[in-house]
Amino acid sequence: MSLDANSSIAHRGLADRMLRRGPLEAVATTTIAAGVVMLMQPFSLTLYSWSFATTLFGTVMFTIVSKVRE
């Protein structure tokens, strides 16, 4: 009995494919960029007041995601 190592990769679920470093780093980077845009926009005080929290959340998320498997 031999097990094919590639068969387990082919049967990975959606969660396994999404919980990888690449997609999560992209989400974290987009969140940081959204926070910076919220900080610089002159139209809404609500967006401005949430900009620091958004940028901080993206930074913490990026730090955590950088420890996730490749």
N, C-alpha and C. Protein backbone atom coordinates (compact mmCIF):
# COMPACT_ATOMS: atom_id res chain seq x y z
N MET A 1 0.82 -1.18 0.00
CA MET A 1 0.00 0.00 0.00
C MET A 1 0.87 1.24 0.00
N SER A 2 0.73 2.04 -1.02
CA SER A 2 1.47 3.30 -1.04
C SER A 2 0.47 4.45 -1.16
N LEU A 3 0.79 5.50 -0.48
CA LEU A 3 -0.07 6.67 -0.53
C LEU A 3 0.56 7.72 -1.43
N ASP A 4 -0.25 8.28 -2.26
CA ASP A 4 0.24 9.32 -3.15
C ASP A 4 0.21 10.66 -2.41
N ALA A 5 1.34 11.32 -2.36
CA ALA A 5 1.44 12.58 -1.61
C ALA A 5 0.64 13.68 -2.30
N ASN A 6 0.50 13.62 -3.60
CA ASN A 6 -0.22 14.68 -4.31
C ASN A 6 -1.73 14.57 -4.18
N SER A 7 -2.24 13.39 -3.83
CA SER A 7 -3.69 13.24 -3.71
C SER A 7 -4.24 14.05 -2.55
N SER A 8 -3.46 14.22 -1.49
CA SER A 8 -3.95 15.02 -0.36
C SER A 8 -3.99 16.50 -0.73
N ILE A 9 -3.10 16.94 -1.60
CA ILE A 9 -3.10 18.34 -2.03
C ILE A 9 -4.30 18.62 -2.93
N ALA A 10 -4.67 17.65 -3.75
CA ALA A 10 -5.78 17.85 -4.67
C ALA A 10 -7.11 17.93 -3.93
N HIS A 11 -7.22 17.34 -2.76
CA HIS A 11 -8.47 17.30 -2.04
C HIS A 11 -8.56 18.35 -0.94
N ARG A 12 -7.70 19.34 -0.98
CA ARG A 12 -7.77 20.39 0.03
C ARG A 12 -9.04 21.20 -0.14
N GLY A 13 -9.60 21.62 0.97
CA GLY A 13 -10.82 22.40 0.92
C GLY A 13 -10.55 23.87 0.68
N LEU A 14 -11.62 24.60 0.57
CA LEU A 14 -11.54 26.04 0.33
C LEU A 14 -10.85 26.75 1.48
N ALA A 15 -11.13 26.35 2.71
CA ALA A 15 -10.51 26.99 3.87
C ALA A 15 -9.00 26.78 3.88
N ASP A 16 -8.55 25.59 3.49
CA ASP A 16 -7.10 25.34 3.44
C ASP A 16 -6.42 26.18 2.38
N ARG A 17 -7.12 26.40 1.27
CA ARG A 17 -6.53 27.22 0.22
C ARG A 17 -6.52 28.69 0.59
N MET A 18 -7.51 29.15 1.34
CA MET A 18 -7.59 30.57 1.70
C MET A 18 -6.70 30.91 2.89
N LEU A 19 -6.48 29.95 3.78
CA LEU A 19 -5.67 30.21 4.98
C LEU A 19 -4.20 29.98 4.68
N ARG A 20 -3.71 30.66 3.69
CA ARG A 20 -2.30 30.63 3.34
C ARG A 20 -1.76 32.05 3.40
N ARG A 21 -0.47 32.17 3.42
CA ARG A 21 0.16 33.47 3.63
C ARG A 21 -0.19 34.47 2.53
N GLY A 22 -0.15 34.06 1.29
CA GLY A 22 -0.35 34.98 0.16
C GLY A 22 -1.67 35.74 0.20
N PRO A 23 -2.80 35.03 0.21
CA PRO A 23 -4.09 35.73 0.23
C PRO A 23 -4.30 36.56 1.50
N LEU A 24 -3.86 36.04 2.64
CA LEU A 24 -4.05 36.77 3.88
C LEU A 24 -3.18 38.02 3.95
N GLU A 25 -1.96 37.95 3.41
CA GLU A 25 -1.12 39.15 3.35
C GLU A 25 -1.74 40.19 2.44
N ALA A 26 -2.37 39.76 1.36
CA ALA A 26 -3.02 40.71 0.45
C ALA A 26 -4.18 41.41 1.15
N VAL A 27 -4.96 40.67 1.95
CA VAL A 27 -6.06 41.28 2.69
C VAL A 27 -5.53 42.26 3.73
N ALA A 28 -4.48 41.88 4.44
CA ALA A 28 -3.90 42.76 5.45
C ALA A 28 -3.34 44.03 4.82
N THR A 29 -2.66 43.90 3.70
CA THR A 29 -2.11 45.06 3.02
C THR A 29 -3.21 45.99 2.51
N THR A 30 -4.29 45.41 1.99
CA THR A 30 -5.42 46.21 1.54
C THR A 30 -6.08 46.93 2.71
N THR A 31 -6.16 46.28 3.86
CA THR A 31 -6.74 46.92 5.04
C THR A 31 -5.88 48.09 5.50
N ILE A 32 -4.58 47.93 5.48
CA ILE A 32 -3.67 49.03 5.84
C ILE A 32 -3.85 50.19 4.86
N ALA A 33 -3.90 49.88 3.57
CA ALA A 33 -4.07 50.93 2.56
C ALA A 33 -5.41 51.64 2.72
N ALA A 34 -6.46 50.89 3.04
CA ALA A 34 -7.76 51.52 3.27
C ALA A 34 -7.72 52.46 4.47
N GLY A 35 -7.01 52.06 5.52
CA GLY A 35 -6.87 52.92 6.68
C GLY A 35 -6.13 54.21 6.37
N VAL A 36 -5.11 54.13 5.54
CA VAL A 36 -4.36 55.34 5.16
C VAL A 36 -5.22 56.25 4.29
N VAL A 37 -5.98 55.67 3.36
CA VAL A 37 -6.89 56.47 2.54
C VAL A 37 -7.95 57.13 3.42
N MET A 38 -8.48 56.41 4.39
CA MET A 38 -9.45 56.98 5.32
C MET A 38 -8.85 58.14 6.10
N LEU A 39 -7.58 58.04 6.41
CA LEU A 39 -6.90 59.09 7.16
C LEU A 39 -6.73 60.36 6.33
N MET A 40 -6.53 60.21 5.03
CA MET A 40 -6.23 61.36 4.18
C MET A 40 -7.44 62.01 3.52
N GLN A 41 -8.59 61.37 3.57
CA GLN A 41 -9.75 61.92 2.88
C GLN A 41 -10.34 63.10 3.68
N PRO A 42 -10.84 64.14 3.00
CA PRO A 42 -11.35 65.32 3.70
C PRO A 42 -12.88 65.36 3.84
N PHE A 43 -13.60 64.28 3.54
CA PHE A 43 -15.05 64.34 3.43
C PHE A 43 -15.81 63.89 4.67
N SER A 44 -15.34 62.85 5.33
CA SER A 44 -16.13 62.25 6.40
C SER A 44 -15.32 62.17 7.69
N LEU A 45 -15.88 62.75 8.74
CA LEU A 45 -15.23 62.69 10.04
C LEU A 45 -15.29 61.27 10.61
N THR A 46 -16.33 60.54 10.30
CA THR A 46 -16.45 59.16 10.78
C THR A 46 -15.34 58.28 10.20
N LEU A 47 -15.10 58.40 8.89
CA LEU A 47 -14.00 57.63 8.29
C LEU A 47 -12.67 58.03 8.89
N TYR A 48 -12.49 59.32 9.10
CA TYR A 48 -11.24 59.80 9.69
C TYR A 48 -11.05 59.24 11.10
N SER A 49 -12.13 59.20 11.87
CA SER A 49 -12.00 58.74 13.25
C SER A 49 -11.74 57.23 13.34
N TRP A 50 -12.15 56.46 12.34
CA TRP A 50 -11.91 55.02 12.32
C TRP A 50 -10.62 54.64 11.59
N SER A 51 -9.92 55.62 11.02
CA SER A 51 -8.74 55.32 10.21
C SER A 51 -7.60 54.72 11.03
N PHE A 52 -7.37 55.22 12.23
CA PHE A 52 -6.28 54.67 13.04
C PHE A 52 -6.57 53.22 13.43
N ALA A 53 -7.80 52.95 13.84
CA ALA A 53 -8.16 51.58 14.22
C ALA A 53 -8.03 50.62 13.03
N THR A 54 -8.42 51.08 11.85
CA THR A 54 -8.32 50.24 10.65
C THR A 54 -6.86 49.96 10.30
N THR A 55 -6.04 51.00 10.35
CA THR A 55 -4.61 50.82 10.05
C THR A 55 -3.95 49.91 11.08
N LEU A 56 -4.30 50.10 12.33
CA LEU A 56 -3.75 49.26 13.40
C LEU A 56 -4.18 47.80 13.23
N PHE A 57 -5.44 47.58 12.92
CA PHE A 57 -5.93 46.22 12.69
C PHE A 57 -5.19 45.56 11.54
N GLY A 58 -4.99 46.29 10.44
CA GLY A 58 -4.26 45.74 9.30
C GLY A 58 -2.83 45.42 9.64
N THR A 59 -2.20 46.26 10.45
CA THR A 59 -0.81 46.02 10.84
C THR A 59 -0.69 44.79 11.74
N VAL A 60 -1.59 44.67 12.70
CA VAL A 60 -1.58 43.50 13.58
C VAL A 60 -1.88 42.24 12.78
N MET A 61 -2.82 42.34 11.87
CA MET A 61 -3.15 41.18 11.02
C MET A 61 -1.95 40.78 10.17
N PHE A 62 -1.24 41.75 9.60
CA PHE A 62 -0.07 41.43 8.79
C PHE A 62 1.02 40.78 9.63
N THR A 63 1.19 41.24 10.85
CA THR A 63 2.19 40.65 11.74
C THR A 63 1.85 39.20 12.06
N ILE A 64 0.59 38.93 12.33
CA ILE A 64 0.16 37.56 12.65
C ILE A 64 0.25 36.68 11.42
N VAL A 65 -0.19 37.20 10.28
CA VAL A 65 -0.20 36.40 9.04
C VAL A 65 1.21 36.05 8.60
N SER A 66 2.17 36.89 8.92
CA SER A 66 3.54 36.58 8.50
C SER A 66 4.08 35.34 9.20
N LYS A 67 3.41 34.88 10.23
CA LYS A 67 3.81 33.65 10.93
C LYS A 67 3.10 32.40 10.40
N VAL A 68 2.12 32.59 9.50
CA VAL A 68 1.32 31.48 8.95
C VAL A 68 2.14 30.72 7.92
N ARG A 69 1.82 29.44 7.76
CA ARG A 69 2.56 28.61 6.82
C ARG A 69 2.48 29.14 5.40
N GLU A 70 3.46 28.82 4.64
CA GLU A 70 3.58 29.27 3.25
C GLU A 70 2.58 28.52 2.46
